[in-house]
Amino acid sequence: MKKITLDVPDDKVDFVIELINQLGLTSSEEPDIPEEHKEIVRERIRSANQDDLVSWEEARKQLMFKSES
């Protein structure tokens, strides 16, 4: 089976999705991530130092503080 990637104008998306459904085709909005990229992320997760991590709330405070300066 072949995969096709389409760029569809915003005002035509509903039409194209309906056409895909009528033809019995499948559509997916999931990006096709190469295995090489996935492995890079896995390695970064494995090597992450838990002591260097901050909560989302703390990171947000730091970012807001920087944007105010």
PDB file of N, CA and C in Angstrom:
ATOM      1  N   MET A   1       0.836  -1.173   0.000  1.00  0.00           N
ATOM      2  CA  MET A   1       0.000   0.000   0.000  1.00  0.00           C
ATOM      3  C   MET A   1       0.886   1.243   0.000  1.00  0.00           C
ATOM      4  N   LYS A   2       0.496   2.236  -0.743  1.00  0.00           N
ATOM      5  CA  LYS A   2       1.238   3.486  -0.854  1.00  0.00           C
ATOM      6  C   LYS A   2       0.723   4.489   0.165  1.00  0.00           C
ATOM      7  N   LYS A   3       1.621   5.358   0.644  1.00  0.00           N
ATOM      8  CA  LYS A   3       1.243   6.469   1.508  1.00  0.00           C
ATOM      9  C   LYS A   3       1.378   7.749   0.709  1.00  0.00           C
ATOM     10  N   ILE A   4       0.432   8.634   0.907  1.00  0.00           N
ATOM     11  CA  ILE A   4       0.453   9.921   0.213  1.00  0.00           C
ATOM     12  C   ILE A   4       0.276  11.007   1.254  1.00  0.00           C
ATOM     13  N   THR A   5       1.082  12.045   1.159  1.00  0.00           N
ATOM     14  CA  THR A   5       0.962  13.201   2.032  1.00  0.00           C
ATOM     15  C   THR A   5       0.378  14.340   1.220  1.00  0.00           C
ATOM     16  N   LEU A   6      -0.653  14.975   1.759  1.00  0.00           N
ATOM     17  CA  LEU A   6      -1.323  16.065   1.050  1.00  0.00           C
ATOM     18  C   LEU A   6      -1.252  17.358   1.851  1.00  0.00           C
ATOM     19  N   ASP A   7      -1.110  18.450   1.153  1.00  0.00           N
ATOM     20  CA  ASP A   7      -1.300  19.776   1.733  1.00  0.00           C
ATOM     21  C   ASP A   7      -2.638  20.269   1.203  1.00  0.00           C
ATOM     22  N   VAL A   8      -3.579  20.476   2.114  1.00  0.00           N
ATOM     23  CA  VAL A   8      -4.938  20.830   1.719  1.00  0.00           C
ATOM     24  C   VAL A   8      -5.270  22.215   2.268  1.00  0.00           C
ATOM     25  N   PRO A   9      -5.821  23.084   1.431  1.00  0.00           N
ATOM     26  CA  PRO A   9      -6.238  24.398   1.927  1.00  0.00           C
ATOM     27  C   PRO A   9      -7.266  24.236   3.044  1.00  0.00           C
ATOM     28  N   ASP A  10      -7.208  25.129   4.023  1.00  0.00           N
ATOM     29  CA  ASP A  10      -8.093  25.031   5.185  1.00  0.00           C
ATOM     30  C   ASP A  10      -9.568  24.916   4.799  1.00  0.00           C
ATOM     31  N   ASP A  11      -9.981  25.632   3.783  1.00  0.00           N
ATOM     32  CA  ASP A  11     -11.401  25.617   3.417  1.00  0.00           C
ATOM     33  C   ASP A  11     -11.816  24.360   2.657  1.00  0.00           C
ATOM     34  N   LYS A  12     -10.873  23.482   2.344  1.00  0.00           N
ATOM     35  CA  LYS A  12     -11.179  22.245   1.609  1.00  0.00           C
ATOM     36  C   LYS A  12     -10.983  20.986   2.447  1.00  0.00           C
ATOM     37  N   VAL A  13     -10.548  21.128   3.705  1.00  0.00           N
ATOM     38  CA  VAL A  13     -10.230  19.955   4.529  1.00  0.00           C
ATOM     39  C   VAL A  13     -11.446  19.056   4.713  1.00  0.00           C
ATOM     40  N   ASP A  14     -12.580  19.621   5.058  1.00  0.00           N
ATOM     41  CA  ASP A  14     -13.777  18.798   5.271  1.00  0.00           C
ATOM     42  C   ASP A  14     -14.139  18.015   4.019  1.00  0.00           C
ATOM     43  N   PHE A  15     -14.057  18.671   2.863  1.00  0.00           N
ATOM     44  CA  PHE A  15     -14.354  17.998   1.597  1.00  0.00           C
ATOM     45  C   PHE A  15     -13.399  16.832   1.351  1.00  0.00           C
ATOM     46  N   VAL A  16     -12.109  17.057   1.570  1.00  0.00           N
ATOM     47  CA  VAL A  16     -11.108  16.013   1.314  1.00  0.00           C
ATOM     48  C   VAL A  16     -11.303  14.840   2.274  1.00  0.00           C
ATOM     49  N   ILE A  17     -11.574  15.132   3.542  1.00  0.00           N
ATOM     50  CA  ILE A  17     -11.802  14.053   4.514  1.00  0.00           C
ATOM     51  C   ILE A  17     -13.029  13.240   4.120  1.00  0.00           C
ATOM     52  N   GLU A  18     -14.096  13.914   3.713  1.00  0.00           N
ATOM     53  CA  GLU A  18     -15.306  13.215   3.276  1.00  0.00           C
ATOM     54  C   GLU A  18     -15.014  12.351   2.045  1.00  0.00           C
ATOM     55  N   LEU A  19     -14.250  12.878   1.118  1.00  0.00           N
ATOM     56  CA  LEU A  19     -13.870  12.116  -0.079  1.00  0.00           C
ATOM     57  C   LEU A  19     -13.063  10.882   0.307  1.00  0.00           C
ATOM     58  N   ILE A  20     -12.119  11.040   1.200  1.00  0.00           N
ATOM     59  CA  ILE A  20     -11.312   9.907   1.672  1.00  0.00           C
ATOM     60  C   ILE A  20     -12.212   8.844   2.286  1.00  0.00           C
ATOM     61  N   ASN A  21     -13.149   9.276   3.115  1.00  0.00           N
ATOM     62  CA  ASN A  21     -14.080   8.326   3.751  1.00  0.00           C
ATOM     63  C   ASN A  21     -14.954   7.639   2.717  1.00  0.00           C
ATOM     64  N   GLN A  22     -15.467   8.379   1.736  1.00  0.00           N
ATOM     65  CA  GLN A  22     -16.334   7.811   0.702  1.00  0.00           C
ATOM     66  C   GLN A  22     -15.593   6.768  -0.141  1.00  0.00           C
ATOM     67  N   LEU A  23     -14.306   6.976  -0.347  1.00  0.00           N
ATOM     68  CA  LEU A  23     -13.510   6.040  -1.138  1.00  0.00           C
ATOM     69  C   LEU A  23     -13.032   4.842  -0.318  1.00  0.00           C
ATOM     70  N   GLY A  24     -13.312   4.853   0.992  1.00  0.00           N
ATOM     71  CA  GLY A  24     -12.902   3.744   1.846  1.00  0.00           C
ATOM     72  C   GLY A  24     -11.423   3.779   2.185  1.00  0.00           C
ATOM     73  N   LEU A  25     -10.823   4.951   2.060  1.00  0.00           N
ATOM     74  CA  LEU A  25      -9.412   5.103   2.382  1.00  0.00           C
ATOM     75  C   LEU A  25      -9.260   5.447   3.861  1.00  0.00           C
ATOM     76  N   THR A  26      -8.059   5.444   4.341  1.00  0.00           N
ATOM     77  CA  THR A  26      -7.809   5.830   5.729  1.00  0.00           C
ATOM     78  C   THR A  26      -7.009   7.112   5.749  1.00  0.00           C
ATOM     79  N   SER A  27      -7.220   7.882   6.795  1.00  0.00           N
ATOM     80  CA  SER A  27      -6.431   9.101   6.972  1.00  0.00           C
ATOM     81  C   SER A  27      -5.816   9.075   8.353  1.00  0.00           C
ATOM     82  N   SER A  28      -4.693   9.708   8.475  1.00  0.00           N
ATOM     83  CA  SER A  28      -3.986   9.754   9.743  1.00  0.00           C
ATOM     84  C   SER A  28      -3.348  11.117   9.898  1.00  0.00           C
ATOM     85  N   GLU A  29      -3.486  11.667  11.085  1.00  0.00           N
ATOM     86  CA  GLU A  29      -2.841  12.944  11.366  1.00  0.00           C
ATOM     87  C   GLU A  29      -1.576  12.739  12.188  1.00  0.00           C
ATOM     88  N   GLU A  30      -1.206  11.493  12.405  1.00  0.00           N
ATOM     89  CA  GLU A  30       0.002  11.197  13.156  1.00  0.00           C
ATOM     90  C   GLU A  30       1.221  11.417  12.267  1.00  0.00           C
ATOM     91  N   PRO A  31       2.207  12.112  12.784  1.00  0.00           N
ATOM     92  CA  PRO A  31       3.413  12.323  11.982  1.00  0.00           C
ATOM     93  C   PRO A  31       4.198  11.019  11.853  1.00  0.00           C
ATOM     94  N   ASP A  32       4.884  10.865  10.748  1.00  0.00           N
ATOM     95  CA  ASP A  32       5.725   9.701  10.519  1.00  0.00           C
ATOM     96  C   ASP A  32       7.112  10.042  11.058  1.00  0.00           C
ATOM     97  N   ILE A  33       7.421   9.548  12.255  1.00  0.00           N
ATOM     98  CA  ILE A  33       8.689   9.873  12.917  1.00  0.00           C
ATOM     99  C   ILE A  33       9.693   8.768  12.618  1.00  0.00           C
ATOM    100  N   PRO A  34      10.839   9.123  12.031  1.00  0.00           N
ATOM    101  CA  PRO A  34      11.848   8.111  11.723  1.00  0.00           C
ATOM    102  C   PRO A  34      12.353   7.413  12.991  1.00  0.00           C
ATOM    103  N   GLU A  35      12.651   6.147  12.877  1.00  0.00           N
ATOM    104  CA  GLU A  35      13.137   5.365  14.011  1.00  0.00           C
ATOM    105  C   GLU A  35      14.409   5.987  14.601  1.00  0.00           C
ATOM    106  N   GLU A  36      15.239   6.563  13.760  1.00  0.00           N
ATOM    107  CA  GLU A  36      16.474   7.206  14.225  1.00  0.00           C
ATOM    108  C   GLU A  36      16.152   8.343  15.206  1.00  0.00           C
ATOM    109  N   HIS A  37      15.133   9.118  14.920  1.00  0.00           N
ATOM    110  CA  HIS A  37      14.743  10.216  15.807  1.00  0.00           C
ATOM    111  C   HIS A  37      14.169   9.691  17.118  1.00  0.00           C
ATOM    112  N   LYS A  38      13.388   8.621  17.012  1.00  0.00           N
ATOM    113  CA  LYS A  38      12.832   8.015  18.220  1.00  0.00           C
ATOM    114  C   LYS A  38      13.946   7.524  19.136  1.00  0.00           C
ATOM    115  N   GLU A  39      14.973   6.933  18.550  1.00  0.00           N
ATOM    116  CA  GLU A  39      16.090   6.419  19.350  1.00  0.00           C
ATOM    117  C   GLU A  39      16.837   7.561  20.033  1.00  0.00           C
ATOM    118  N   ILE A  40      16.993   8.685  19.377  1.00  0.00           N
ATOM    119  CA  ILE A  40      17.645   9.851  19.984  1.00  0.00           C
ATOM    120  C   ILE A  40      16.867  10.291  21.222  1.00  0.00           C
ATOM    121  N   VAL A  41      15.550  10.345  21.106  1.00  0.00           N
ATOM    122  CA  VAL A  41      14.714  10.744  22.243  1.00  0.00           C
ATOM    123  C   VAL A  41      14.828   9.721  23.366  1.00  0.00           C
ATOM    124  N   ARG A  42      14.791   8.441  23.024  1.00  0.00           N
ATOM    125  CA  ARG A  42      14.924   7.391  24.049  1.00  0.00           C
ATOM    126  C   ARG A  42      16.249   7.519  24.796  1.00  0.00           C
ATOM    127  N   GLU A  43      17.319   7.792  24.071  1.00  0.00           N
ATOM    128  CA  GLU A  43      18.637   7.941  24.696  1.00  0.00           C
ATOM    129  C   GLU A  43      18.653   9.154  25.614  1.00  0.00           C
ATOM    130  N   ARG A  44      18.055  10.242  25.198  1.00  0.00           N
ATOM    131  CA  ARG A  44      18.000  11.444  26.050  1.00  0.00           C
ATOM    132  C   ARG A  44      17.211  11.174  27.328  1.00  0.00           C
ATOM    133  N   ILE A  45      16.143  10.409  27.209  1.00  0.00           N
ATOM    134  CA  ILE A  45      15.352  10.060  28.392  1.00  0.00           C
ATOM    135  C   ILE A  45      16.179   9.198  29.331  1.00  0.00           C
ATOM    136  N   ARG A  46      16.899   8.210  28.770  1.00  0.00           N
ATOM    137  CA  ARG A  46      17.725   7.325  29.598  1.00  0.00           C
ATOM    138  C   ARG A  46      18.832   8.089  30.313  1.00  0.00           C
ATOM    139  N   SER A  47      19.409   9.072  29.628  1.00  0.00           N
ATOM    140  CA  SER A  47      20.558   9.767  30.203  1.00  0.00           C
ATOM    141  C   SER A  47      20.181  11.019  31.008  1.00  0.00           C
ATOM    142  N   ALA A  48      18.891  11.315  31.109  1.00  0.00           N
ATOM    143  CA  ALA A  48      18.454  12.507  31.841  1.00  0.00           C
ATOM    144  C   ALA A  48      18.744  12.349  33.333  1.00  0.00           C
ATOM    145  N   ASN A  49      19.252  13.402  33.925  1.00  0.00           N
ATOM    146  CA  ASN A  49      19.525  13.420  35.358  1.00  0.00           C
ATOM    147  C   ASN A  49      18.290  13.970  36.059  1.00  0.00           C
ATOM    148  N   GLN A  50      17.653  13.154  36.868  1.00  0.00           N
ATOM    149  CA  GLN A  50      16.424  13.553  37.558  1.00  0.00           C
ATOM    150  C   GLN A  50      16.622  14.805  38.418  1.00  0.00           C
ATOM    151  N   ASP A  51      17.837  15.011  38.924  1.00  0.00           N
ATOM    152  CA  ASP A  51      18.101  16.193  39.760  1.00  0.00           C
ATOM    153  C   ASP A  51      18.076  17.489  38.956  1.00  0.00           C
ATOM    154  N   ASP A  52      18.251  17.392  37.643  1.00  0.00           N
ATOM    155  CA  ASP A  52      18.249  18.586  36.792  1.00  0.00           C
ATOM    156  C   ASP A  52      16.844  18.963  36.322  1.00  0.00           C
ATOM    157  N   LEU A  53      15.866  18.114  36.566  1.00  0.00           N
ATOM    158  CA  LEU A  53      14.519  18.360  36.082  1.00  0.00           C
ATOM    159  C   LEU A  53      13.761  19.290  37.020  1.00  0.00           C
ATOM    160  N   VAL A  54      12.898  20.113  36.457  1.00  0.00           N
ATOM    161  CA  VAL A  54      12.037  20.981  37.267  1.00  0.00           C
ATOM    162  C   VAL A  54      10.586  20.716  36.854  1.00  0.00           C
ATOM    163  N   SER A  55       9.680  21.024  37.746  1.00  0.00           N
ATOM    164  CA  SER A  55       8.263  20.826  37.443  1.00  0.00           C
ATOM    165  C   SER A  55       7.823  21.841  36.395  1.00  0.00           C
ATOM    166  N   TRP A  56       6.702  21.536  35.758  1.00  0.00           N
ATOM    167  CA  TRP A  56       6.162  22.459  34.764  1.00  0.00           C
ATOM    168  C   TRP A  56       5.864  23.813  35.400  1.00  0.00           C
ATOM    169  N   GLU A  57       5.326  23.810  36.607  1.00  0.00           N
ATOM    170  CA  GLU A  57       5.001  25.063  37.288  1.00  0.00           C
ATOM    171  C   GLU A  57       6.259  25.920  37.477  1.00  0.00           C
ATOM    172  N   GLU A  58       7.356  25.288  37.908  1.00  0.00           N
ATOM    173  CA  GLU A  58       8.610  26.030  38.117  1.00  0.00           C
ATOM    174  C   GLU A  58       9.176  26.526  36.791  1.00  0.00           C
ATOM    175  N   ALA A  59       9.143  25.695  35.773  1.00  0.00           N
ATOM    176  CA  ALA A  59       9.645  26.109  34.465  1.00  0.00           C
ATOM    177  C   ALA A  59       8.836  27.290  33.943  1.00  0.00           C
ATOM    178  N   ARG A  60       7.538  27.230  34.121  1.00  0.00           N
ATOM    179  CA  ARG A  60       6.665  28.323  33.665  1.00  0.00           C
ATOM    180  C   ARG A  60       6.993  29.623  34.390  1.00  0.00           C
ATOM    181  N   LYS A  61       7.223  29.545  35.706  1.00  0.00           N
ATOM    182  CA  LYS A  61       7.599  30.738  36.478  1.00  0.00           C
ATOM    183  C   LYS A  61       8.896  31.331  35.938  1.00  0.00           C
ATOM    184  N   GLN A  62       9.869  30.463  35.663  1.00  0.00           N
ATOM    185  CA  GLN A  62      11.158  30.938  35.156  1.00  0.00           C
ATOM    186  C   GLN A  62      10.995  31.599  33.797  1.00  0.00           C
ATOM    187  N   LEU A  63      10.186  31.011  32.930  1.00  0.00           N
ATOM    188  CA  LEU A  63       9.967  31.585  31.607  1.00  0.00           C
ATOM    189  C   LEU A  63       9.227  32.917  31.696  1.00  0.00           C
ATOM    190  N   MET A  64       8.250  33.006  32.573  1.00  0.00           N
ATOM    191  CA  MET A  64       7.501  34.252  32.730  1.00  0.00           C
ATOM    192  C   MET A  64       8.409  35.351  33.281  1.00  0.00           C
ATOM    193  N   PHE A  65       9.290  34.987  34.196  1.00  0.00           N
ATOM    194  CA  PHE A  65      10.214  35.956  34.764  1.00  0.00           C
ATOM    195  C   PHE A  65      11.141  36.492  33.672  1.00  0.00           C
ATOM    196  N   LYS A  66      11.636  35.612  32.812  1.00  0.00           N
ATOM    197  CA  LYS A  66      12.532  36.038  31.731  1.00  0.00           C
ATOM    198  C   LYS A  66      11.814  36.936  30.738  1.00  0.00           C
ATOM    199  N   SER A  67      10.533  36.674  30.483  1.00  0.00           N
ATOM    200  CA  SER A  67       9.817  37.489  29.505  1.00  0.00           C
ATOM    201  C   SER A  67       9.484  38.871  30.043  1.00  0.00           C
ATOM    202  N   GLU A  68       9.489  39.035  31.361  1.00  0.00           N
ATOM    203  CA  GLU A  68       9.197  40.329  31.965  1.00  0.00           C
ATOM    204  C   GLU A  68      10.406  41.247  31.956  1.00  0.00           C
ATOM    205  N   SER A  69      11.599  40.691  31.798  1.00  0.00           N
ATOM    206  CA  SER A  69      12.811  41.515  31.838  1.00  0.00           C
ATOM    207  C   SER A  69      13.048  42.215  30.528  1.00  0.00           C
TER     208      SER A  69
END
